[in-house]
Each structure stands twice: as C-alpha cells, then as structure tokens.
Amino acid sequence: MTELKIIKKDGSEVEFDKKKIIEACKSAGASEETAKVIADEVSEELPKIHSSKVRELVLKKLEKRDQEAAKAWLQFDIREKGKE
C-alpha cells in the first residue's frame, strides 16, 4: 500500500494516521466503533489531500452516524476559532 500523506495548513506533509481520526471522533462523543468505521471510510478516500479536506470528510460521515458528536465537534471548532 502506498504511504498516505496529509498536507498541513503550513504546507508541510505528514504521514496519515487513522488513530488521529479515531481519537478526534471519540473526543467529540462518538463511540469507538463509529470512530473506527469513519476512520476506515475516510482512509479509503484519501490520496494526498489537505488536512481541512480530511476534517470535512470526517465531519460529513460523523453527521450521518452520530449527529450529537458532530455538533460537539463543530462547537469545539467555534471555541477554538475564538481563541485565534
């Protein structure tokens, strides 16, 4: 399998890590099972894309499977943008 890379906001590239998606979904309140399914689905769609696109894909899939976790994720984003 080809190594997947994520392009960060600053332009740097890092190796894709499904565990980060799982942890982000779980932090938003999704179950371990839902988080793993979403991470698997997103990783199947990844060639080499920007981290913002990964976030968008994860959030769309999370909204379909766990609307409360998706809301929590968005609320976290809003809080974090307020800190910038």
PDB file of N, CA and C in Angstrom:
ATOM      1  N   MET A   1       0.847  -1.190   0.000  1.00  0.00           N
ATOM      2  CA  MET A   1       0.000   0.000   0.000  1.00  0.00           C
ATOM      3  C   MET A   1       0.888   1.248   0.000  1.00  0.00           C
ATOM      4  N   THR A   2       0.468   2.241  -0.745  1.00  0.00           N
ATOM      5  CA  THR A   2       1.190   3.496  -0.819  1.00  0.00           C
ATOM      6  C   THR A   2       1.026   4.266   0.484  1.00  0.00           C
ATOM      7  N   GLU A   3       2.099   4.915   0.909  1.00  0.00           N
ATOM      8  CA  GLU A   3       2.048   5.729   2.120  1.00  0.00           C
ATOM      9  C   GLU A   3       1.174   6.955   1.854  1.00  0.00           C
ATOM     10  N   LEU A   4       0.224   7.196   2.730  1.00  0.00           N
ATOM     11  CA  LEU A   4      -0.662   8.341   2.575  1.00  0.00           C
ATOM     12  C   LEU A   4      -0.077   9.547   3.286  1.00  0.00           C
ATOM     13  N   LYS A   5      -0.151  10.687   2.642  1.00  0.00           N
ATOM     14  CA  LYS A   5       0.352  11.930   3.212  1.00  0.00           C
ATOM     15  C   LYS A   5      -0.785  12.924   3.357  1.00  0.00           C
ATOM     16  N   ILE A   6      -0.697  13.728   4.394  1.00  0.00           N
ATOM     17  CA  ILE A   6      -1.635  14.815   4.639  1.00  0.00           C
ATOM     18  C   ILE A   6      -0.850  16.112   4.511  1.00  0.00           C
ATOM     19  N   ILE A   7      -1.410  17.077   3.810  1.00  0.00           N
ATOM     20  CA  ILE A   7      -0.775  18.384   3.679  1.00  0.00           C
ATOM     21  C   ILE A   7      -1.371  19.298   4.738  1.00  0.00           C
ATOM     22  N   LYS A   8      -0.537  19.746   5.653  1.00  0.00           N
ATOM     23  CA  LYS A   8      -0.975  20.603   6.752  1.00  0.00           C
ATOM     24  C   LYS A   8      -1.183  22.037   6.264  1.00  0.00           C
ATOM     25  N   LYS A   9      -1.821  22.862   7.096  1.00  0.00           N
ATOM     26  CA  LYS A   9      -2.085  24.260   6.754  1.00  0.00           C
ATOM     27  C   LYS A   9      -0.814  25.009   6.366  1.00  0.00           C
ATOM     28  N   ASP A  10       0.288  24.683   7.031  1.00  0.00           N
ATOM     29  CA  ASP A  10       1.548  25.385   6.754  1.00  0.00           C
ATOM     30  C   ASP A  10       2.271  24.844   5.517  1.00  0.00           C
ATOM     31  N   GLY A  11       1.678  23.852   4.848  1.00  0.00           N
ATOM     32  CA  GLY A  11       2.269  23.290   3.639  1.00  0.00           C
ATOM     33  C   GLY A  11       3.138  22.065   3.899  1.00  0.00           C
ATOM     34  N   SER A  12       3.426  21.772   5.151  1.00  0.00           N
ATOM     35  CA  SER A  12       4.244  20.596   5.446  1.00  0.00           C
ATOM     36  C   SER A  12       3.412  19.331   5.253  1.00  0.00           C
ATOM     37  N   GLU A  13       4.109  18.229   5.002  1.00  0.00           N
ATOM     38  CA  GLU A  13       3.444  16.950   4.799  1.00  0.00           C
ATOM     39  C   GLU A  13       3.749  16.026   5.971  1.00  0.00           C
ATOM     40  N   VAL A  14       2.723  15.321   6.416  1.00  0.00           N
ATOM     41  CA  VAL A  14       2.892  14.340   7.475  1.00  0.00           C
ATOM     42  C   VAL A  14       2.229  13.040   7.045  1.00  0.00           C
ATOM     43  N   GLU A  15       2.682  11.950   7.615  1.00  0.00           N
ATOM     44  CA  GLU A  15       2.091  10.656   7.317  1.00  0.00           C
ATOM     45  C   GLU A  15       0.671  10.595   7.889  1.00  0.00           C
ATOM     46  N   PHE A  16      -0.256  10.058   7.123  1.00  0.00           N
ATOM     47  CA  PHE A  16      -1.632   9.900   7.576  1.00  0.00           C
ATOM     48  C   PHE A  16      -1.674   8.917   8.744  1.00  0.00           C
ATOM     49  N   ASP A  17      -2.458   9.252   9.763  1.00  0.00           N
ATOM     50  CA  ASP A  17      -2.588   8.409  10.949  1.00  0.00           C
ATOM     51  C   ASP A  17      -4.070   8.272  11.294  1.00  0.00           C
ATOM     52  N   LYS A  18      -4.638   7.096  11.007  1.00  0.00           N
ATOM     53  CA  LYS A  18      -6.060   6.859  11.283  1.00  0.00           C
ATOM     54  C   LYS A  18      -6.390   7.052  12.753  1.00  0.00           C
ATOM     55  N   LYS A  19      -5.436   6.793  13.626  1.00  0.00           N
ATOM     56  CA  LYS A  19      -5.686   6.920  15.065  1.00  0.00           C
ATOM     57  C   LYS A  19      -6.087   8.346  15.435  1.00  0.00           C
ATOM     58  N   LYS A  20      -5.578   9.333  14.690  1.00  0.00           N
ATOM     59  CA  LYS A  20      -5.936  10.724  14.990  1.00  0.00           C
ATOM     60  C   LYS A  20      -7.410  10.976  14.697  1.00  0.00           C
ATOM     61  N   ILE A  21      -7.930  10.368  13.635  1.00  0.00           N
ATOM     62  CA  ILE A  21      -9.357  10.499  13.308  1.00  0.00           C
ATOM     63  C   ILE A  21     -10.192   9.809  14.385  1.00  0.00           C
ATOM     64  N   ILE A  22      -9.769   8.621  14.775  1.00  0.00           N
ATOM     65  CA  ILE A  22     -10.500   7.877  15.806  1.00  0.00           C
ATOM     66  C   ILE A  22     -10.559   8.689  17.095  1.00  0.00           C
ATOM     67  N   GLU A  23      -9.437   9.217  17.512  1.00  0.00           N
ATOM     68  CA  GLU A  23      -9.399   9.997  18.754  1.00  0.00           C
ATOM     69  C   GLU A  23     -10.234  11.274  18.646  1.00  0.00           C
ATOM     70  N   ALA A  24     -10.183  11.948  17.495  1.00  0.00           N
ATOM     71  CA  ALA A  24     -10.976  13.172  17.318  1.00  0.00           C
ATOM     72  C   ALA A  24     -12.471  12.873  17.395  1.00  0.00           C
ATOM     73  N   CYS A  25     -12.904  11.791  16.743  1.00  0.00           N
ATOM     74  CA  CYS A  25     -14.325  11.414  16.785  1.00  0.00           C
ATOM     75  C   CYS A  25     -14.746  11.024  18.197  1.00  0.00           C
ATOM     76  N   LYS A  26     -13.903  10.268  18.886  1.00  0.00           N
ATOM     77  CA  LYS A  26     -14.223   9.871  20.259  1.00  0.00           C
ATOM     78  C   LYS A  26     -14.268  11.083  21.180  1.00  0.00           C
ATOM     79  N   SER A  27     -13.375  12.037  20.968  1.00  0.00           N
ATOM     80  CA  SER A  27     -13.378  13.256  21.785  1.00  0.00           C
ATOM     81  C   SER A  27     -14.660  14.045  21.587  1.00  0.00           C
ATOM     82  N   ALA A  28     -15.241  13.925  20.391  1.00  0.00           N
ATOM     83  CA  ALA A  28     -16.496  14.607  20.107  1.00  0.00           C
ATOM     84  C   ALA A  28     -17.690  13.850  20.668  1.00  0.00           C
ATOM     85  N   GLY A  29     -17.464  12.624  21.161  1.00  0.00           N
ATOM     86  CA  GLY A  29     -18.538  11.863  21.776  1.00  0.00           C
ATOM     87  C   GLY A  29     -18.976  10.634  21.013  1.00  0.00           C
ATOM     88  N   ALA A  30     -18.351  10.358  19.866  1.00  0.00           N
ATOM     89  CA  ALA A  30     -18.711   9.169  19.084  1.00  0.00           C
ATOM     90  C   ALA A  30     -18.193   7.917  19.797  1.00  0.00           C
ATOM     91  N   SER A  31     -18.856   6.806  19.549  1.00  0.00           N
ATOM     92  CA  SER A  31     -18.395   5.538  20.120  1.00  0.00           C
ATOM     93  C   SER A  31     -17.116   5.097  19.414  1.00  0.00           C
ATOM     94  N   GLU A  32     -16.393   4.205  20.050  1.00  0.00           N
ATOM     95  CA  GLU A  32     -15.164   3.638  19.458  1.00  0.00           C
ATOM     96  C   GLU A  32     -15.487   3.001  18.104  1.00  0.00           C
ATOM     97  N   GLU A  33     -16.579   2.249  18.052  1.00  0.00           N
ATOM     98  CA  GLU A  33     -16.972   1.558  16.815  1.00  0.00           C
ATOM     99  C   GLU A  33     -17.246   2.561  15.696  1.00  0.00           C
ATOM    100  N   THR A  34     -18.033   3.588  15.991  1.00  0.00           N
ATOM    101  CA  THR A  34     -18.339   4.606  14.987  1.00  0.00           C
ATOM    102  C   THR A  34     -17.071   5.309  14.539  1.00  0.00           C
ATOM    103  N   ALA A  35     -16.209   5.647  15.475  1.00  0.00           N
ATOM    104  CA  ALA A  35     -14.958   6.335  15.150  1.00  0.00           C
ATOM    105  C   ALA A  35     -14.086   5.485  14.229  1.00  0.00           C
ATOM    106  N   LYS A  36     -13.998   4.188  14.497  1.00  0.00           N
ATOM    107  CA  LYS A  36     -13.184   3.303  13.664  1.00  0.00           C
ATOM    108  C   LYS A  36     -13.770   3.157  12.260  1.00  0.00           C
ATOM    109  N   VAL A  37     -15.079   3.030  12.171  1.00  0.00           N
ATOM    110  CA  VAL A  37     -15.725   2.912  10.860  1.00  0.00           C
ATOM    111  C   VAL A  37     -15.461   4.166  10.040  1.00  0.00           C
ATOM    112  N   ILE A  38     -15.615   5.335  10.660  1.00  0.00           N
ATOM    113  CA  ILE A  38     -15.381   6.598   9.957  1.00  0.00           C
ATOM    114  C   ILE A  38     -13.923   6.700   9.519  1.00  0.00           C
ATOM    115  N   ALA A  39     -12.999   6.349  10.391  1.00  0.00           N
ATOM    116  CA  ALA A  39     -11.575   6.398  10.041  1.00  0.00           C
ATOM    117  C   ALA A  39     -11.273   5.483   8.866  1.00  0.00           C
ATOM    118  N   ASP A  40     -11.866   4.291   8.853  1.00  0.00           N
ATOM    119  CA  ASP A  40     -11.670   3.360   7.737  1.00  0.00           C
ATOM    120  C   ASP A  40     -12.243   3.932   6.444  1.00  0.00           C
ATOM    121  N   GLU A  41     -13.454   4.474   6.526  1.00  0.00           N
ATOM    122  CA  GLU A  41     -14.098   5.029   5.331  1.00  0.00           C
ATOM    123  C   GLU A  41     -13.308   6.208   4.770  1.00  0.00           C
ATOM    124  N   VAL A  42     -12.869   7.091   5.648  1.00  0.00           N
ATOM    125  CA  VAL A  42     -12.116   8.266   5.198  1.00  0.00           C
ATOM    126  C   VAL A  42     -10.789   7.835   4.586  1.00  0.00           C
ATOM    127  N   SER A  43     -10.111   6.874   5.217  1.00  0.00           N
ATOM    128  CA  SER A  43      -8.807   6.453   4.697  1.00  0.00           C
ATOM    129  C   SER A  43      -8.925   5.841   3.314  1.00  0.00           C
ATOM    130  N   GLU A  44     -10.064   5.241   3.001  1.00  0.00           N
ATOM    131  CA  GLU A  44     -10.283   4.683   1.664  1.00  0.00           C
ATOM    132  C   GLU A  44     -10.382   5.780   0.611  1.00  0.00           C
ATOM    133  N   GLU A  45     -10.752   6.984   1.020  1.00  0.00           N
ATOM    134  CA  GLU A  45     -10.935   8.097   0.096  1.00  0.00           C
ATOM    135  C   GLU A  45      -9.701   8.988  -0.016  1.00  0.00           C
ATOM    136  N   LEU A  46      -8.660   8.656   0.715  1.00  0.00           N
ATOM    137  CA  LEU A  46      -7.501   9.541   0.779  1.00  0.00           C
ATOM    138  C   LEU A  46      -6.419   9.218  -0.240  1.00  0.00           C
ATOM    139  N   PRO A  47      -6.171  10.131  -1.125  1.00  0.00           N
ATOM    140  CA  PRO A  47      -4.916  10.065  -1.871  1.00  0.00           C
ATOM    141  C   PRO A  47      -3.927  10.958  -1.111  1.00  0.00           C
ATOM    142  N   LYS A  48      -3.780  12.183  -1.526  1.00  0.00           N
ATOM    143  CA  LYS A  48      -2.908  13.155  -0.855  1.00  0.00           C
ATOM    144  C   LYS A  48      -3.697  14.457  -0.827  1.00  0.00           C
ATOM    145  N   ILE A  49      -4.286  14.762   0.329  1.00  0.00           N
ATOM    146  CA  ILE A  49      -5.188  15.904   0.400  1.00  0.00           C
ATOM    147  C   ILE A  49      -4.864  16.773   1.601  1.00  0.00           C
ATOM    148  N   HIS A  50      -5.412  17.965   1.595  1.00  0.00           N
ATOM    149  CA  HIS A  50      -5.212  18.906   2.699  1.00  0.00           C
ATOM    150  C   HIS A  50      -5.940  18.429   3.950  1.00  0.00           C
ATOM    151  N   SER A  51      -5.383  18.761   5.095  1.00  0.00           N
ATOM    152  CA  SER A  51      -5.978  18.351   6.368  1.00  0.00           C
ATOM    153  C   SER A  51      -7.396  18.898   6.509  1.00  0.00           C
ATOM    154  N   SER A  52      -7.672  20.063   5.923  1.00  0.00           N
ATOM    155  CA  SER A  52      -9.029  20.619   6.005  1.00  0.00           C
ATOM    156  C   SER A  52     -10.028  19.728   5.260  1.00  0.00           C
ATOM    157  N   LYS A  53      -9.593  19.082   4.188  1.00  0.00           N
ATOM    158  CA  LYS A  53     -10.467  18.174   3.441  1.00  0.00           C
ATOM    159  C   LYS A  53     -10.730  16.911   4.265  1.00  0.00           C
ATOM    160  N   VAL A  54      -9.702  16.425   4.969  1.00  0.00           N
ATOM    161  CA  VAL A  54      -9.884  15.262   5.846  1.00  0.00           C
ATOM    162  C   VAL A  54     -10.910  15.603   6.907  1.00  0.00           C
ATOM    163  N   ARG A  55     -10.776  16.785   7.504  1.00  0.00           N
ATOM    164  CA  ARG A  55     -11.719  17.230   8.520  1.00  0.00           C
ATOM    165  C   ARG A  55     -13.134  17.263   7.955  1.00  0.00           C
ATOM    166  N   GLU A  56     -13.273  17.798   6.753  1.00  0.00           N
ATOM    167  CA  GLU A  56     -14.582  17.888   6.103  1.00  0.00           C
ATOM    168  C   GLU A  56     -15.168  16.497   5.869  1.00  0.00           C
ATOM    169  N   LEU A  57     -14.367  15.560   5.374  1.00  0.00           N
ATOM    170  CA  LEU A  57     -14.845  14.194   5.141  1.00  0.00           C
ATOM    171  C   LEU A  57     -15.265  13.526   6.448  1.00  0.00           C
ATOM    172  N   VAL A  58     -14.437  13.672   7.471  1.00  0.00           N
ATOM    173  CA  VAL A  58     -14.754  13.063   8.767  1.00  0.00           C
ATOM    174  C   VAL A  58     -16.048  13.647   9.323  1.00  0.00           C
ATOM    175  N   LEU A  59     -16.184  14.961   9.275  1.00  0.00           N
ATOM    176  CA  LEU A  59     -17.368  15.600   9.824  1.00  0.00           C
ATOM    177  C   LEU A  59     -18.638  15.179   9.076  1.00  0.00           C
ATOM    178  N   LYS A  60     -18.585  15.093   7.756  1.00  0.00           N
ATOM    179  CA  LYS A  60     -19.754  14.654   6.985  1.00  0.00           C
ATOM    180  C   LYS A  60     -20.176  13.244   7.383  1.00  0.00           C
ATOM    181  N   LYS A  61     -19.206  12.358   7.523  1.00  0.00           N
ATOM    182  CA  LYS A  61     -19.526  10.985   7.889  1.00  0.00           C
ATOM    183  C   LYS A  61     -19.996  10.895   9.344  1.00  0.00           C
ATOM    184  N   LEU A  62     -19.416  11.699  10.208  1.00  0.00           N
ATOM    185  CA  LEU A  62     -19.831  11.732  11.604  1.00  0.00           C
ATOM    186  C   LEU A  62     -21.270  12.237  11.713  1.00  0.00           C
ATOM    187  N   GLU A  63     -21.629  13.240  10.914  1.00  0.00           N
ATOM    188  CA  GLU A  63     -23.002  13.768  10.935  1.00  0.00           C
ATOM    189  C   GLU A  63     -24.017  12.687  10.577  1.00  0.00           C
ATOM    190  N   LYS A  64     -23.655  11.794   9.653  1.00  0.00           N
ATOM    191  CA  LYS A  64     -24.568  10.717   9.239  1.00  0.00           C
ATOM    192  C   LYS A  64     -24.733   9.662  10.326  1.00  0.00           C
ATOM    193  N   ARG A  65     -23.681   9.441  11.112  1.00  0.00           N
ATOM    194  CA  ARG A  65     -23.699   8.354  12.088  1.00  0.00           C
ATOM    195  C   ARG A  65     -23.977   8.800  13.518  1.00  0.00           C
ATOM    196  N   ASP A  66     -23.600  10.027  13.847  1.00  0.00           N
ATOM    197  CA  ASP A  66     -23.745  10.491  15.230  1.00  0.00           C
ATOM    198  C   ASP A  66     -23.859  12.018  15.222  1.00  0.00           C
ATOM    199  N   GLN A  67     -25.082  12.511  15.110  1.00  0.00           N
ATOM    200  CA  GLN A  67     -25.312  13.956  14.990  1.00  0.00           C
ATOM    201  C   GLN A  67     -24.863  14.717  16.231  1.00  0.00           C
ATOM    202  N   GLU A  68     -25.004  14.125  17.404  1.00  0.00           N
ATOM    203  CA  GLU A  68     -24.581  14.807  18.634  1.00  0.00           C
ATOM    204  C   GLU A  68     -23.066  14.991  18.667  1.00  0.00           C
ATOM    205  N   ALA A  69     -22.333  13.970  18.260  1.00  0.00           N
ATOM    206  CA  ALA A  69     -20.875  14.083  18.214  1.00  0.00           C
ATOM    207  C   ALA A  69     -20.457  15.124  17.176  1.00  0.00           C
ATOM    208  N   ALA A  70     -21.163  15.167  16.053  1.00  0.00           N
ATOM    209  CA  ALA A  70     -20.861  16.164  15.023  1.00  0.00           C
ATOM    210  C   ALA A  70     -21.102  17.577  15.554  1.00  0.00           C
ATOM    211  N   LYS A  71     -22.183  17.755  16.288  1.00  0.00           N
ATOM    212  CA  LYS A  71     -22.464  19.073  16.893  1.00  0.00           C
ATOM    213  C   LYS A  71     -21.361  19.468  17.868  1.00  0.00           C
ATOM    214  N   ALA A  72     -20.934  18.507  18.679  1.00  0.00           N
ATOM    215  CA  ALA A  72     -19.872  18.781  19.651  1.00  0.00           C
ATOM    216  C   ALA A  72     -18.584  19.166  18.930  1.00  0.00           C
ATOM    217  N   TRP A  73     -18.295  18.501  17.832  1.00  0.00           N
ATOM    218  CA  TRP A  73     -17.102  18.810  17.038  1.00  0.00           C
ATOM    219  C   TRP A  73     -17.181  20.251  16.539  1.00  0.00           C
ATOM    220  N   LEU A  74     -18.324  20.620  15.976  1.00  0.00           N
ATOM    221  CA  LEU A  74     -18.497  21.979  15.446  1.00  0.00           C
ATOM    222  C   LEU A  74     -18.405  23.021  16.556  1.00  0.00           C
ATOM    223  N   GLN A  75     -18.981  22.736  17.707  1.00  0.00           N
ATOM    224  CA  GLN A  75     -18.898  23.670  18.835  1.00  0.00           C
ATOM    225  C   GLN A  75     -17.451  23.852  19.283  1.00  0.00           C
ATOM    226  N   PHE A  76     -16.685  22.762  19.264  1.00  0.00           N
ATOM    227  CA  PHE A  76     -15.268  22.847  19.599  1.00  0.00           C
ATOM    228  C   PHE A  76     -14.547  23.742  18.586  1.00  0.00           C
ATOM    229  N   ASP A  77     -14.847  23.549  17.302  1.00  0.00           N
ATOM    230  CA  ASP A  77     -14.239  24.379  16.253  1.00  0.00           C
ATOM    231  C   ASP A  77     -14.523  25.856  16.485  1.00  0.00           C
ATOM    232  N   ILE A  78     -15.759  26.153  16.832  1.00  0.00           N
ATOM    233  CA  ILE A  78     -16.143  27.554  17.069  1.00  0.00           C
ATOM    234  C   ILE A  78     -15.367  28.135  18.249  1.00  0.00           C
ATOM    235  N   ARG A  79     -15.269  27.327  19.337  1.00  0.00           N
ATOM    236  CA  ARG A  79     -14.496  27.783  20.505  1.00  0.00           C
ATOM    237  C   ARG A  79     -13.031  28.015  20.147  1.00  0.00           C
ATOM    238  N   GLU A  80     -12.449  27.112  19.376  1.00  0.00           N
ATOM    239  CA  GLU A  80     -11.042  27.216  19.008  1.00  0.00           C
ATOM    240  C   GLU A  80     -10.788  28.421  18.091  1.00  0.00           C
ATOM    241  N   LYS A  81     -11.706  28.683  17.183  1.00  0.00           N
ATOM    242  CA  LYS A  81     -11.536  29.848  16.298  1.00  0.00           C
ATOM    243  C   LYS A  81     -11.583  31.134  17.099  1.00  0.00           C
ATOM    244  N   GLY A  82     -12.337  31.135  18.171  1.00  0.00           N
ATOM    245  CA  GLY A  82     -12.420  32.299  19.034  1.00  0.00           C
ATOM    246  C   GLY A  82     -11.121  32.562  19.783  1.00  0.00           C
ATOM    247  N   LYS A  83     -10.298  31.527  19.926  1.00  0.00           N
ATOM    248  CA  LYS A  83      -9.012  31.673  20.614  1.00  0.00           C
ATOM    249  C   LYS A  83      -7.912  32.181  19.696  1.00  0.00           C
ATOM    250  N   GLU A  84      -8.146  32.140  18.382  1.00  0.00           N
ATOM    251  CA  GLU A  84      -7.097  32.550  17.430  1.00  0.00           C
ATOM    252  C   GLU A  84      -6.916  34.034  17.389  1.00  0.00           C
TER     253      GLU A  84
END
